Amino acid sequence: MNVTAPRRNAVTALLAATALALGLGACSSGSGSSSAAKAPAAAPSSAAAPATAAGAAVSDQPFGTACGAVPKDGAGSFTGMAKDPVATAASNNPLLSTLVAAVKQAGLVDTLNSAQNITVFAPTNDAFAKIPKATLDAVLADKEKLTKILTYHVAPQRLAPSDLTGAHKTLETGNVTVTGASPDFTVNGDAKVLCGNVQTANATVYIVDTVLMPTS
C-alpha cells in the first residue's frame, strides 16, 4: 500500500503538468490567431483610401480635347482662372479672345464678373470664325442683339458634368439642351464641348466649338 500511493501521486502530478502545458500552448496559439485575423481586416481599409481620393480628384478636373491648349501656368491656366471671376478669367485664356471682345462690346464684363454660381458655354475663337465676317460685324455693332446672344450662353447655376445633360434655362430666358455623357457632350445638337468643367471664381465654364444662337 505504501509503494502504490507514491506512484499514484506521481502519475497525478504528471497529468497536471501536461494539462498545464497544453493550456498555455492553447492560450499562446489563440493570441497569435487573433492578431493575424486583425491584420487582413486593416489592409483593405488603408488600400481603399487612395482609390477614393483619386476618384474624387479625377471628377473635379477639366476634360476634353482642347484642354491641352490651355496654358500650363499663369493667369490663363486652370489654376489661374480659378482665382478670377469669369470674364476676367476668360480674358487670360488665348482660346477665348473673340468672346472676351464681344463681352466688352456688349458691356457685360461687370454683369458676368459679379454674378454668382453661373455656368458659361464659351465659344472659341474658331467658333466665331465659322460665322461670316459681315454677319459677325453686324452682330457686334448691334448691342441689343449681341447681348441677347451672349446671355443665351449663360445658365444661372453651376452645372457639374453629372448635371449637364438636359435642358437648362439661360439668362436670355431661352433653353439650351445638352446631350451625351462625360466627356462627350453636345449643346443644341451641334456645338461640341471641347474643354469642360473649367472652374473660375464664380462660374463653371464649358468651352464649345460653335456659337449658340437663341431661337427667338
N, C-alpha and C. Protein backbone atom coordinates (compact mmCIF):
# COMPACT_ATOMS: atom_id res chain seq x y z
N MET A 1 0.83 -1.19 0.00
CA MET A 1 0.00 0.00 0.00
C MET A 1 0.87 1.25 0.00
N ASN A 2 2.00 1.20 0.77
CA ASN A 2 2.87 2.37 0.84
C ASN A 2 3.59 2.63 -0.49
N VAL A 3 3.84 1.53 -1.29
CA VAL A 3 4.52 1.68 -2.58
C VAL A 3 3.57 2.25 -3.62
N THR A 4 2.28 1.80 -3.57
CA THR A 4 1.31 2.24 -4.59
C THR A 4 0.99 3.72 -4.48
N ALA A 5 0.86 4.24 -3.30
CA ALA A 5 0.49 5.64 -3.10
C ALA A 5 1.45 6.61 -3.73
N PRO A 6 2.77 6.41 -3.56
CA PRO A 6 3.69 7.36 -4.22
C PRO A 6 3.58 7.33 -5.71
N ARG A 7 3.35 6.10 -6.28
CA ARG A 7 3.21 6.03 -7.73
C ARG A 7 1.97 6.78 -8.19
N ARG A 8 0.88 6.62 -7.45
CA ARG A 8 -0.36 7.30 -7.82
C ARG A 8 -0.16 8.81 -7.76
N ASN A 9 0.55 9.27 -6.74
CA ASN A 9 0.79 10.72 -6.63
C ASN A 9 1.65 11.24 -7.78
N ALA A 10 2.61 10.42 -8.20
CA ALA A 10 3.48 10.84 -9.31
C ALA A 10 2.72 10.94 -10.61
N VAL A 11 1.82 9.95 -10.84
CA VAL A 11 1.00 9.99 -12.06
C VAL A 11 0.11 11.21 -12.07
N THR A 12 -0.49 11.49 -10.92
CA THR A 12 -1.38 12.66 -10.83
C THR A 12 -0.63 13.96 -11.12
N ALA A 13 0.59 14.07 -10.59
CA ALA A 13 1.40 15.27 -10.83
C ALA A 13 1.78 15.41 -12.29
N LEU A 14 2.10 14.26 -12.93
CA LEU A 14 2.46 14.29 -14.35
C LEU A 14 1.29 14.75 -15.22
N LEU A 15 0.08 14.23 -14.92
CA LEU A 15 -1.11 14.63 -15.68
C LEU A 15 -1.40 16.12 -15.51
N ALA A 16 -1.22 16.60 -14.28
CA ALA A 16 -1.47 18.02 -14.02
C ALA A 16 -0.50 18.90 -14.80
N ALA A 17 0.77 18.49 -14.83
CA ALA A 17 1.78 19.26 -15.57
C ALA A 17 1.49 19.27 -17.06
N THR A 18 1.06 18.11 -17.60
CA THR A 18 0.72 18.02 -19.03
C THR A 18 -0.44 18.94 -19.37
N ALA A 19 -1.47 18.91 -18.52
CA ALA A 19 -2.65 19.76 -18.75
C ALA A 19 -2.28 21.23 -18.74
N LEU A 20 -1.40 21.60 -17.79
CA LEU A 20 -0.97 22.99 -17.71
C LEU A 20 -0.22 23.42 -18.96
N ALA A 21 0.66 22.52 -19.45
CA ALA A 21 1.43 22.84 -20.66
C ALA A 21 0.52 23.00 -21.86
N LEU A 22 -0.47 22.10 -22.00
CA LEU A 22 -1.41 22.21 -23.12
C LEU A 22 -2.22 23.49 -23.04
N GLY A 23 -2.61 23.86 -21.81
CA GLY A 23 -3.40 25.08 -21.64
C GLY A 23 -2.62 26.31 -22.03
N LEU A 24 -1.35 26.36 -21.64
CA LEU A 24 -0.51 27.51 -22.02
C LEU A 24 -0.31 27.58 -23.52
N GLY A 25 -0.12 26.42 -24.16
CA GLY A 25 0.05 26.38 -25.62
C GLY A 25 -1.18 26.88 -26.34
N ALA A 26 -2.35 26.50 -25.82
CA ALA A 26 -3.60 26.92 -26.46
C ALA A 26 -3.76 28.42 -26.35
N CYS A 27 -3.44 29.01 -25.18
CA CYS A 27 -3.56 30.46 -25.00
C CYS A 27 -2.64 31.19 -25.95
N SER A 28 -1.39 30.66 -26.05
CA SER A 28 -0.43 31.31 -26.93
C SER A 28 -0.89 31.26 -28.37
N SER A 29 -1.42 30.09 -28.81
CA SER A 29 -1.90 29.94 -30.18
C SER A 29 -3.10 30.83 -30.45
N GLY A 30 -4.03 30.95 -29.49
CA GLY A 30 -5.22 31.79 -29.65
C GLY A 30 -4.86 33.23 -29.79
N SER A 31 -3.86 33.67 -29.00
CA SER A 31 -3.43 35.05 -29.08
C SER A 31 -2.86 35.37 -30.44
N GLY A 32 -2.05 34.43 -31.01
CA GLY A 32 -1.47 34.64 -32.33
C GLY A 32 -2.53 34.69 -33.39
N SER A 33 -3.57 33.84 -33.34
CA SER A 33 -4.62 33.85 -34.34
C SER A 33 -5.37 35.15 -34.32
N SER A 34 -5.61 35.69 -33.11
CA SER A 34 -6.36 36.94 -33.02
C SER A 34 -5.61 38.06 -33.73
N SER A 35 -4.28 38.15 -33.54
CA SER A 35 -3.51 39.20 -34.20
C SER A 35 -3.52 39.02 -35.70
N ALA A 36 -3.41 37.76 -36.16
CA ALA A 36 -3.39 37.51 -37.59
C ALA A 36 -4.71 37.86 -38.22
N ALA A 37 -5.80 37.62 -37.49
CA ALA A 37 -7.12 37.91 -38.04
C ALA A 37 -7.32 39.40 -38.21
N LYS A 38 -6.74 40.19 -37.28
CA LYS A 38 -6.95 41.64 -37.36
C LYS A 38 -6.18 42.25 -38.52
N ALA A 39 -5.02 41.72 -38.88
CA ALA A 39 -4.17 42.33 -39.91
C ALA A 39 -4.84 42.43 -41.26
N PRO A 40 -5.46 41.34 -41.80
CA PRO A 40 -6.10 41.48 -43.10
C PRO A 40 -7.24 42.46 -43.08
N ALA A 41 -7.98 42.59 -41.96
CA ALA A 41 -9.11 43.50 -41.89
C ALA A 41 -8.65 44.94 -42.06
N ALA A 42 -7.47 45.27 -41.53
CA ALA A 42 -6.97 46.63 -41.62
C ALA A 42 -6.47 46.96 -43.01
N ALA A 43 -5.96 45.95 -43.74
CA ALA A 43 -5.35 46.20 -45.05
C ALA A 43 -6.30 46.80 -46.06
N PRO A 44 -7.54 46.24 -46.25
CA PRO A 44 -8.42 46.84 -47.24
C PRO A 44 -8.75 48.28 -46.94
N SER A 45 -8.87 48.63 -45.64
CA SER A 45 -9.22 50.00 -45.28
C SER A 45 -8.15 50.97 -45.76
N SER A 46 -6.87 50.64 -45.52
CA SER A 46 -5.81 51.55 -45.93
C SER A 46 -5.66 51.58 -47.43
N ALA A 47 -5.97 50.47 -48.13
CA ALA A 47 -5.83 50.45 -49.58
C ALA A 47 -6.95 51.21 -50.25
N ALA A 48 -8.13 51.25 -49.62
CA ALA A 48 -9.29 51.89 -50.25
C ALA A 48 -9.18 53.40 -50.25
N ALA A 49 -8.52 53.99 -49.26
CA ALA A 49 -8.48 55.44 -49.13
C ALA A 49 -7.87 56.13 -50.34
N PRO A 50 -6.68 55.67 -50.85
CA PRO A 50 -6.12 56.35 -52.02
C PRO A 50 -7.02 56.26 -53.23
N ALA A 51 -7.71 55.11 -53.42
CA ALA A 51 -8.58 54.95 -54.58
C ALA A 51 -9.71 55.97 -54.54
N THR A 52 -10.31 56.15 -53.35
CA THR A 52 -11.41 57.11 -53.22
C THR A 52 -10.92 58.53 -53.50
N ALA A 53 -9.76 58.85 -52.90
CA ALA A 53 -9.22 60.20 -53.11
C ALA A 53 -8.91 60.43 -54.58
N ALA A 54 -8.34 59.43 -55.24
CA ALA A 54 -8.00 59.58 -56.65
C ALA A 54 -9.25 59.77 -57.49
N GLY A 55 -10.31 59.02 -57.17
CA GLY A 55 -11.56 59.15 -57.92
C GLY A 55 -12.14 60.54 -57.80
N ALA A 56 -12.09 61.10 -56.58
CA ALA A 56 -12.63 62.44 -56.37
C ALA A 56 -11.82 63.45 -57.15
N ALA A 57 -10.50 63.27 -57.16
CA ALA A 57 -9.63 64.21 -57.86
C ALA A 57 -9.92 64.21 -59.35
N VAL A 58 -10.11 63.01 -59.93
CA VAL A 58 -10.36 62.92 -61.37
C VAL A 58 -11.66 63.62 -61.74
N SER A 59 -12.71 63.44 -60.93
CA SER A 59 -14.01 64.00 -61.26
C SER A 59 -14.02 65.52 -61.20
N ASP A 60 -13.07 66.12 -60.48
CA ASP A 60 -13.01 67.57 -60.35
C ASP A 60 -12.17 68.23 -61.44
N GLN A 61 -11.56 67.47 -62.31
CA GLN A 61 -10.63 68.01 -63.29
C GLN A 61 -11.34 68.42 -64.59
N PRO A 62 -10.80 69.44 -65.28
CA PRO A 62 -11.31 69.75 -66.62
C PRO A 62 -11.10 68.56 -67.55
N PHE A 63 -11.95 68.44 -68.57
CA PHE A 63 -11.84 67.33 -69.51
C PHE A 63 -12.07 67.83 -70.92
N GLY A 64 -11.55 67.11 -71.92
CA GLY A 64 -11.82 67.43 -73.31
C GLY A 64 -10.56 67.64 -74.13
N THR A 65 -10.72 67.54 -75.44
CA THR A 65 -9.58 67.56 -76.35
C THR A 65 -8.87 68.91 -76.39
N ALA A 66 -9.58 70.00 -76.12
CA ALA A 66 -8.95 71.33 -76.21
C ALA A 66 -8.30 71.76 -74.91
N CYS A 67 -8.42 70.98 -73.86
CA CYS A 67 -7.85 71.38 -72.58
C CYS A 67 -6.33 71.50 -72.66
N GLY A 68 -5.71 70.74 -73.58
CA GLY A 68 -4.27 70.81 -73.73
C GLY A 68 -3.78 72.15 -74.26
N ALA A 69 -4.68 72.93 -74.88
CA ALA A 69 -4.28 74.23 -75.42
C ALA A 69 -4.30 75.33 -74.35
N VAL A 70 -4.83 75.01 -73.18
CA VAL A 70 -4.86 75.99 -72.09
C VAL A 70 -3.45 76.10 -71.50
N PRO A 71 -2.98 77.31 -71.22
CA PRO A 71 -1.63 77.46 -70.64
C PRO A 71 -1.44 76.62 -69.38
N LYS A 72 -0.24 76.11 -69.19
CA LYS A 72 0.05 75.24 -68.04
C LYS A 72 0.19 76.03 -66.75
N ASP A 73 0.56 77.29 -66.85
CA ASP A 73 0.69 78.10 -65.64
C ASP A 73 0.35 79.55 -65.96
N GLY A 74 0.31 80.37 -64.93
CA GLY A 74 -0.03 81.77 -65.12
C GLY A 74 -1.52 82.02 -65.00
N ALA A 75 -1.94 83.25 -65.29
CA ALA A 75 -3.33 83.66 -65.10
C ALA A 75 -4.29 82.92 -66.02
N GLY A 76 -3.80 82.46 -67.20
CA GLY A 76 -4.67 81.76 -68.14
C GLY A 76 -4.73 80.26 -67.93
N SER A 77 -3.99 79.74 -66.95
CA SER A 77 -4.02 78.31 -66.66
C SER A 77 -5.29 77.98 -65.87
N PHE A 78 -5.56 76.70 -65.72
CA PHE A 78 -6.74 76.29 -64.94
C PHE A 78 -6.64 76.82 -63.51
N THR A 79 -5.46 76.76 -62.93
CA THR A 79 -5.28 77.26 -61.56
C THR A 79 -5.46 78.76 -61.51
N GLY A 80 -4.92 79.46 -62.49
CA GLY A 80 -5.06 80.91 -62.53
C GLY A 80 -6.49 81.35 -62.75
N MET A 81 -7.19 80.68 -63.68
CA MET A 81 -8.59 81.03 -63.96
C MET A 81 -9.48 80.83 -62.74
N ALA A 82 -9.17 79.84 -61.94
CA ALA A 82 -9.99 79.54 -60.76
C ALA A 82 -9.97 80.68 -59.73
N LYS A 83 -8.97 81.55 -59.83
CA LYS A 83 -8.85 82.65 -58.87
C LYS A 83 -9.62 83.90 -59.28
N ASP A 84 -10.02 83.99 -60.57
CA ASP A 84 -10.65 85.21 -61.08
C ASP A 84 -12.12 84.97 -61.44
N PRO A 85 -12.95 86.03 -61.40
CA PRO A 85 -14.32 85.90 -61.90
C PRO A 85 -14.29 85.64 -63.40
N VAL A 86 -15.40 85.15 -63.94
CA VAL A 86 -15.37 84.51 -65.25
C VAL A 86 -14.92 85.40 -66.42
N ALA A 87 -15.39 86.64 -66.49
CA ALA A 87 -14.99 87.49 -67.61
C ALA A 87 -13.49 87.79 -67.56
N THR A 88 -12.98 88.03 -66.36
CA THR A 88 -11.55 88.26 -66.20
C THR A 88 -10.75 87.01 -66.53
N ALA A 89 -11.23 85.87 -66.04
CA ALA A 89 -10.56 84.59 -66.30
C ALA A 89 -10.51 84.31 -67.80
N ALA A 90 -11.61 84.55 -68.50
CA ALA A 90 -11.66 84.30 -69.95
C ALA A 90 -10.69 85.21 -70.70
N SER A 91 -10.50 86.41 -70.19
CA SER A 91 -9.60 87.35 -70.88
C SER A 91 -8.15 86.87 -70.84
N ASN A 92 -7.84 85.95 -69.94
CA ASN A 92 -6.49 85.41 -69.84
C ASN A 92 -6.32 84.10 -70.59
N ASN A 93 -7.40 83.63 -71.23
CA ASN A 93 -7.36 82.36 -71.96
C ASN A 93 -7.26 82.64 -73.45
N PRO A 94 -6.18 82.23 -74.12
CA PRO A 94 -5.99 82.57 -75.54
C PRO A 94 -7.04 81.97 -76.46
N LEU A 95 -7.78 80.96 -76.02
CA LEU A 95 -8.83 80.35 -76.85
C LEU A 95 -10.07 81.24 -76.95
N LEU A 96 -10.19 82.23 -76.05
CA LEU A 96 -11.46 82.94 -75.89
C LEU A 96 -11.36 84.44 -76.15
N SER A 97 -10.37 84.89 -76.90
CA SER A 97 -10.18 86.33 -77.06
C SER A 97 -11.33 86.99 -77.83
N THR A 98 -11.90 86.30 -78.82
CA THR A 98 -13.02 86.89 -79.56
C THR A 98 -14.25 87.02 -78.66
N LEU A 99 -14.50 86.00 -77.85
CA LEU A 99 -15.61 86.05 -76.90
C LEU A 99 -15.43 87.21 -75.94
N VAL A 100 -14.24 87.40 -75.45
CA VAL A 100 -13.99 88.48 -74.50
C VAL A 100 -14.23 89.84 -75.17
N ALA A 101 -13.82 89.98 -76.41
CA ALA A 101 -14.06 91.24 -77.14
C ALA A 101 -15.56 91.49 -77.28
N ALA A 102 -16.32 90.43 -77.54
CA ALA A 102 -17.77 90.57 -77.68
C ALA A 102 -18.42 90.95 -76.35
N VAL A 103 -17.95 90.34 -75.28
CA VAL A 103 -18.48 90.65 -73.94
C VAL A 103 -18.21 92.11 -73.59
N LYS A 104 -17.03 92.60 -73.92
CA LYS A 104 -16.71 94.01 -73.68
C LYS A 104 -17.57 94.92 -74.53
N GLN A 105 -17.78 94.53 -75.79
CA GLN A 105 -18.60 95.32 -76.71
C GLN A 105 -20.03 95.45 -76.20
N ALA A 106 -20.52 94.38 -75.58
CA ALA A 106 -21.91 94.38 -75.06
C ALA A 106 -22.01 95.01 -73.68
N GLY A 107 -20.88 95.33 -73.07
CA GLY A 107 -20.90 95.93 -71.73
C GLY A 107 -21.29 94.93 -70.65
N LEU A 108 -20.91 93.67 -70.83
CA LEU A 108 -21.34 92.62 -69.90
C LEU A 108 -20.24 92.15 -68.94
N VAL A 109 -19.09 92.81 -68.97
CA VAL A 109 -17.98 92.36 -68.12
C VAL A 109 -18.38 92.38 -66.65
N ASP A 110 -18.89 93.51 -66.18
CA ASP A 110 -19.26 93.61 -64.77
C ASP A 110 -20.42 92.68 -64.42
N THR A 111 -21.36 92.54 -65.34
CA THR A 111 -22.51 91.64 -65.11
C THR A 111 -22.04 90.21 -64.87
N LEU A 112 -21.16 89.74 -65.73
CA LEU A 112 -20.69 88.36 -65.60
C LEU A 112 -19.76 88.19 -64.40
N ASN A 113 -18.92 89.19 -64.16
CA ASN A 113 -17.99 89.08 -63.04
C ASN A 113 -18.68 89.13 -61.68
N SER A 114 -19.80 89.81 -61.61
CA SER A 114 -20.49 89.95 -60.32
C SER A 114 -21.55 88.87 -60.10
N ALA A 115 -21.89 88.12 -61.14
CA ALA A 115 -22.88 87.03 -60.99
C ALA A 115 -22.31 85.94 -60.09
N GLN A 116 -23.21 85.22 -59.42
CA GLN A 116 -22.77 84.16 -58.52
C GLN A 116 -23.22 82.79 -59.03
N ASN A 117 -22.29 81.85 -59.04
CA ASN A 117 -22.61 80.45 -59.34
C ASN A 117 -23.35 80.29 -60.67
N ILE A 118 -22.68 80.63 -61.75
CA ILE A 118 -23.26 80.50 -63.08
C ILE A 118 -22.49 79.47 -63.90
N THR A 119 -23.08 79.10 -65.03
CA THR A 119 -22.39 78.24 -66.00
C THR A 119 -22.31 78.99 -67.31
N VAL A 120 -21.14 79.01 -67.91
CA VAL A 120 -20.94 79.71 -69.17
C VAL A 120 -20.51 78.72 -70.25
N PHE A 121 -21.25 78.71 -71.36
CA PHE A 121 -20.84 77.97 -72.56
C PHE A 121 -20.05 78.96 -73.41
N ALA A 122 -18.74 78.76 -73.45
CA ALA A 122 -17.84 79.76 -74.03
C ALA A 122 -17.35 79.35 -75.40
N PRO A 123 -17.80 80.03 -76.48
CA PRO A 123 -17.32 79.69 -77.83
C PRO A 123 -15.86 80.09 -78.02
N THR A 124 -15.13 79.25 -78.70
CA THR A 124 -13.74 79.55 -79.01
C THR A 124 -13.63 80.59 -80.13
N ASN A 125 -12.42 81.06 -80.36
CA ASN A 125 -12.18 81.95 -81.49
C ASN A 125 -12.59 81.29 -82.80
N ASP A 126 -12.30 80.00 -82.95
CA ASP A 126 -12.67 79.28 -84.18
C ASP A 126 -14.19 79.18 -84.33
N ALA A 127 -14.90 79.12 -83.21
CA ALA A 127 -16.37 79.09 -83.28
C ALA A 127 -16.90 80.38 -83.89
N PHE A 128 -16.36 81.51 -83.47
CA PHE A 128 -16.77 82.79 -84.05
C PHE A 128 -16.34 82.90 -85.51
N ALA A 129 -15.21 82.28 -85.85
CA ALA A 129 -14.72 82.33 -87.23
C ALA A 129 -15.63 81.58 -88.19
N LYS A 130 -16.49 80.70 -87.69
CA LYS A 130 -17.45 79.99 -88.55
C LYS A 130 -18.53 80.94 -89.08
N ILE A 131 -18.74 82.03 -88.36
CA ILE A 131 -19.78 83.00 -88.76
C ILE A 131 -19.21 83.90 -89.84
N PRO A 132 -19.92 84.09 -90.96
CA PRO A 132 -19.42 85.01 -92.00
C PRO A 132 -19.07 86.37 -91.42
N LYS A 133 -17.97 86.94 -91.87
CA LYS A 133 -17.47 88.18 -91.27
C LYS A 133 -18.49 89.30 -91.29
N ALA A 134 -19.21 89.44 -92.38
CA ALA A 134 -20.21 90.52 -92.47
C ALA A 134 -21.30 90.33 -91.41
N THR A 135 -21.71 89.07 -91.22
CA THR A 135 -22.74 88.78 -90.21
C THR A 135 -22.21 89.06 -88.81
N LEU A 136 -20.98 88.61 -88.54
CA LEU A 136 -20.39 88.83 -87.22
C LEU A 136 -20.22 90.32 -86.94
N ASP A 137 -19.74 91.07 -87.94
CA ASP A 137 -19.57 92.51 -87.75
C ASP A 137 -20.90 93.19 -87.46
N ALA A 138 -21.96 92.74 -88.12
CA ALA A 138 -23.29 93.32 -87.90
C ALA A 138 -23.77 93.02 -86.48
N VAL A 139 -23.52 91.80 -86.01
CA VAL A 139 -23.94 91.44 -84.65
C VAL A 139 -23.16 92.26 -83.62
N LEU A 140 -21.85 92.39 -83.83
CA LEU A 140 -21.03 93.14 -82.89
C LEU A 140 -21.44 94.61 -82.83
N ALA A 141 -22.01 95.10 -83.91
CA ALA A 141 -22.43 96.50 -83.96
C ALA A 141 -23.83 96.71 -83.38
N ASP A 142 -24.55 95.63 -83.12
CA ASP A 142 -25.93 95.70 -82.59
C ASP A 142 -25.90 95.23 -81.14
N LYS A 143 -25.79 96.19 -80.21
CA LYS A 143 -25.60 95.83 -78.80
C LYS A 143 -26.74 94.98 -78.25
N GLU A 144 -27.95 95.31 -78.65
CA GLU A 144 -29.11 94.56 -78.13
C GLU A 144 -29.07 93.09 -78.60
N LYS A 145 -28.79 92.89 -79.88
CA LYS A 145 -28.73 91.53 -80.41
C LYS A 145 -27.53 90.78 -79.84
N LEU A 146 -26.41 91.48 -79.71
CA LEU A 146 -25.21 90.86 -79.16
C LEU A 146 -25.44 90.42 -77.71
N THR A 147 -26.08 91.27 -76.94
CA THR A 147 -26.38 90.94 -75.54
C THR A 147 -27.28 89.71 -75.47
N LYS A 148 -28.26 89.64 -76.35
CA LYS A 148 -29.17 88.51 -76.37
C LYS A 148 -28.42 87.20 -76.65
N ILE A 149 -27.51 87.25 -77.62
CA ILE A 149 -26.75 86.05 -77.97
C ILE A 149 -25.82 85.64 -76.82
N LEU A 150 -25.13 86.62 -76.25
CA LEU A 150 -24.17 86.29 -75.19
C LEU A 150 -24.85 85.77 -73.93
N THR A 151 -25.96 86.37 -73.53
CA THR A 151 -26.66 85.90 -72.32
C THR A 151 -27.31 84.54 -72.55
N TYR A 152 -27.51 84.17 -73.82
CA TYR A 152 -28.02 82.83 -74.13
C TYR A 152 -26.96 81.76 -73.84
N HIS A 153 -25.73 82.17 -73.66
CA HIS A 153 -24.64 81.24 -73.34
C HIS A 153 -24.44 81.06 -71.84
N VAL A 154 -25.31 81.66 -71.03
CA VAL A 154 -25.11 81.65 -69.57
C VAL A 154 -26.32 81.05 -68.86
N ALA A 155 -26.09 80.04 -68.05
CA ALA A 155 -27.15 79.46 -67.21
C ALA A 155 -26.95 79.97 -65.79
N PRO A 156 -28.04 80.26 -65.07
CA PRO A 156 -27.91 80.90 -63.75
C PRO A 156 -27.62 79.95 -62.60
N GLN A 157 -26.93 78.87 -62.86
CA GLN A 157 -26.48 77.98 -61.79
C GLN A 157 -25.25 77.22 -62.27
N ARG A 158 -24.45 76.79 -61.32
CA ARG A 158 -23.27 75.98 -61.69
C ARG A 158 -23.74 74.58 -62.05
N LEU A 159 -23.29 74.10 -63.20
CA LEU A 159 -23.64 72.76 -63.66
C LEU A 159 -22.38 71.89 -63.69
N ALA A 160 -22.35 70.90 -62.81
CA ALA A 160 -21.25 69.92 -62.83
C ALA A 160 -21.46 68.99 -64.02
N PRO A 161 -20.44 68.29 -64.47
CA PRO A 161 -20.62 67.35 -65.59
C PRO A 161 -21.75 66.36 -65.36
N SER A 162 -21.94 65.93 -64.12
CA SER A 162 -23.00 64.96 -63.82
C SER A 162 -24.40 65.56 -63.96
N ASP A 163 -24.49 66.90 -63.96
CA ASP A 163 -25.79 67.59 -64.07
C ASP A 163 -26.00 68.22 -65.44
N LEU A 164 -25.05 68.04 -66.34
CA LEU A 164 -25.06 68.84 -67.57
C LEU A 164 -26.10 68.39 -68.59
N THR A 165 -26.31 67.09 -68.71
CA THR A 165 -27.26 66.60 -69.71
C THR A 165 -28.68 67.05 -69.36
N GLY A 166 -29.39 67.59 -70.36
CA GLY A 166 -30.76 68.05 -70.15
C GLY A 166 -30.95 69.47 -70.65
N ALA A 167 -32.13 70.03 -70.38
CA ALA A 167 -32.44 71.40 -70.81
C ALA A 167 -32.19 72.36 -69.65
N HIS A 168 -31.58 73.50 -69.97
CA HIS A 168 -31.24 74.47 -68.93
C HIS A 168 -31.64 75.87 -69.38
N LYS A 169 -32.38 76.56 -68.53
CA LYS A 169 -32.79 77.93 -68.81
C LYS A 169 -31.59 78.85 -68.75
N THR A 170 -31.55 79.83 -69.63
CA THR A 170 -30.42 80.76 -69.69
C THR A 170 -30.82 82.15 -69.21
N LEU A 171 -29.83 83.01 -69.06
CA LEU A 171 -30.14 84.39 -68.68
C LEU A 171 -30.94 85.10 -69.77
N GLU A 172 -30.82 84.64 -71.00
CA GLU A 172 -31.59 85.22 -72.10
C GLU A 172 -33.06 84.80 -72.00
N THR A 173 -33.34 83.78 -71.19
CA THR A 173 -34.66 83.16 -70.90
C THR A 173 -34.96 81.94 -71.75
N GLY A 174 -34.26 81.75 -72.89
CA GLY A 174 -34.44 80.53 -73.66
C GLY A 174 -33.67 79.38 -73.04
N ASN A 175 -33.91 78.17 -73.55
CA ASN A 175 -33.23 76.99 -73.03
C ASN A 175 -32.10 76.54 -73.96
N VAL A 176 -31.03 76.03 -73.35
CA VAL A 176 -30.03 75.27 -74.11
C VAL A 176 -30.22 73.81 -73.71
N THR A 177 -30.01 72.91 -74.66
CA THR A 177 -30.20 71.49 -74.39
C THR A 177 -28.89 70.75 -74.61
N VAL A 178 -28.47 70.05 -73.59
CA VAL A 178 -27.20 69.31 -73.65
C VAL A 178 -27.49 67.81 -73.72
N THR A 179 -26.83 67.14 -74.65
CA THR A 179 -26.96 65.70 -74.77
C THR A 179 -25.59 65.05 -74.62
N GLY A 180 -25.59 63.73 -74.40
CA GLY A 180 -24.34 63.00 -74.27
C GLY A 180 -23.98 62.73 -72.83
N ALA A 181 -22.76 62.28 -72.63
CA ALA A 181 -22.24 61.98 -71.29
C ALA A 181 -20.75 62.27 -71.29
N SER A 182 -20.23 62.53 -70.12
CA SER A 182 -18.82 62.89 -70.00
C SER A 182 -17.92 61.79 -70.57
N PRO A 183 -16.94 62.15 -71.41
CA PRO A 183 -16.51 63.52 -71.75
C PRO A 183 -17.08 64.04 -73.07
N ASP A 184 -18.10 63.39 -73.63
CA ASP A 184 -18.62 63.77 -74.95
C ASP A 184 -20.00 64.40 -74.84
N PHE A 185 -20.02 65.73 -74.70
CA PHE A 185 -21.27 66.47 -74.61
C PHE A 185 -21.47 67.31 -75.87
N THR A 186 -22.75 67.47 -76.25
CA THR A 186 -23.12 68.33 -77.37
C THR A 186 -24.22 69.27 -76.90
N VAL A 187 -24.11 70.54 -77.28
CA VAL A 187 -25.08 71.56 -76.88
C VAL A 187 -25.91 71.95 -78.09
N ASN A 188 -27.23 71.90 -77.94
CA ASN A 188 -28.17 72.27 -79.02
C ASN A 188 -27.92 71.51 -80.32
N GLY A 189 -27.48 70.28 -80.20
CA GLY A 189 -27.39 69.40 -81.36
C GLY A 189 -26.11 69.44 -82.15
N ASP A 190 -25.35 70.56 -82.09
CA ASP A 190 -24.16 70.62 -82.94
C ASP A 190 -22.94 71.27 -82.31
N ALA A 191 -23.07 71.90 -81.16
CA ALA A 191 -21.92 72.53 -80.52
C ALA A 191 -21.26 71.53 -79.57
N LYS A 192 -20.04 71.15 -79.90
CA LYS A 192 -19.32 70.16 -79.11
C LYS A 192 -18.57 70.84 -77.95
N VAL A 193 -18.62 70.21 -76.79
CA VAL A 193 -17.82 70.69 -75.66
C VAL A 193 -16.38 70.23 -75.88
N LEU A 194 -15.49 71.20 -76.05
CA LEU A 194 -14.07 70.91 -76.31
C LEU A 194 -13.25 70.80 -75.04
N CYS A 195 -13.62 71.58 -74.05
CA CYS A 195 -12.94 71.54 -72.75
C CYS A 195 -13.96 71.95 -71.70
N GLY A 196 -14.31 71.01 -70.83
CA GLY A 196 -15.39 71.28 -69.88
C GLY A 196 -14.95 71.22 -68.44
N ASN A 197 -15.85 71.69 -67.58
CA ASN A 197 -15.63 71.70 -66.14
C ASN A 197 -14.44 72.57 -65.74
N VAL A 198 -14.29 73.69 -66.45
CA VAL A 198 -13.24 74.67 -66.13
C VAL A 198 -13.80 75.61 -65.05
N GLN A 199 -13.10 75.70 -63.95
CA GLN A 199 -13.61 76.49 -62.82
C GLN A 199 -13.03 77.90 -62.81
N THR A 200 -13.91 78.89 -62.56
CA THR A 200 -13.45 80.24 -62.24
C THR A 200 -14.01 80.57 -60.86
N ALA A 201 -13.71 81.76 -60.37
CA ALA A 201 -14.14 82.10 -59.01
C ALA A 201 -15.65 82.08 -58.85
N ASN A 202 -16.39 82.35 -59.92
CA ASN A 202 -17.85 82.42 -59.79
C ASN A 202 -18.60 81.60 -60.83
N ALA A 203 -17.91 80.79 -61.62
CA ALA A 203 -18.59 80.08 -62.71
C ALA A 203 -17.90 78.77 -63.05
N THR A 204 -18.69 77.90 -63.67
CA THR A 204 -18.15 76.70 -64.31
C THR A 204 -18.27 76.93 -65.81
N VAL A 205 -17.18 76.70 -66.54
CA VAL A 205 -17.12 77.03 -67.97
C VAL A 205 -17.00 75.75 -68.80
N TYR A 206 -17.79 75.70 -69.87
CA TYR A 206 -17.68 74.64 -70.88
C TYR A 206 -17.34 75.32 -72.21
N ILE A 207 -16.13 75.11 -72.68
CA ILE A 207 -15.68 75.73 -73.94
C ILE A 207 -16.24 74.92 -75.11
N VAL A 208 -16.94 75.60 -76.03
CA VAL A 208 -17.62 74.92 -77.13
C VAL A 208 -17.10 75.40 -78.48
N ASP A 209 -17.36 74.57 -79.52
CA ASP A 209 -16.79 74.87 -80.84
C ASP A 209 -17.75 75.60 -81.78
N THR A 210 -18.91 76.01 -81.27
CA THR A 210 -19.91 76.68 -82.10
C THR A 210 -20.63 77.75 -81.27
N VAL A 211 -20.90 78.90 -81.88
CA VAL A 211 -21.67 79.94 -81.19
C VAL A 211 -23.13 79.49 -81.13
N LEU A 212 -23.73 79.58 -79.93
CA LEU A 212 -25.13 79.19 -79.74
C LEU A 212 -26.04 80.36 -80.11
N MET A 213 -27.08 80.07 -80.86
CA MET A 213 -28.00 81.14 -81.28
C MET A 213 -29.39 80.91 -80.67
N PRO A 214 -29.93 81.92 -79.98
CA PRO A 214 -31.27 81.78 -79.43
C PRO A 214 -32.29 81.64 -80.54
N THR A 215 -33.36 80.91 -80.28
CA THR A 215 -34.36 80.67 -81.33
C THR A 215 -35.29 81.85 -81.51
N SER A 216 -35.41 82.71 -80.52
CA SER A 216 -36.34 83.85 -80.64
C SER A 216 -35.58 85.16 -80.77
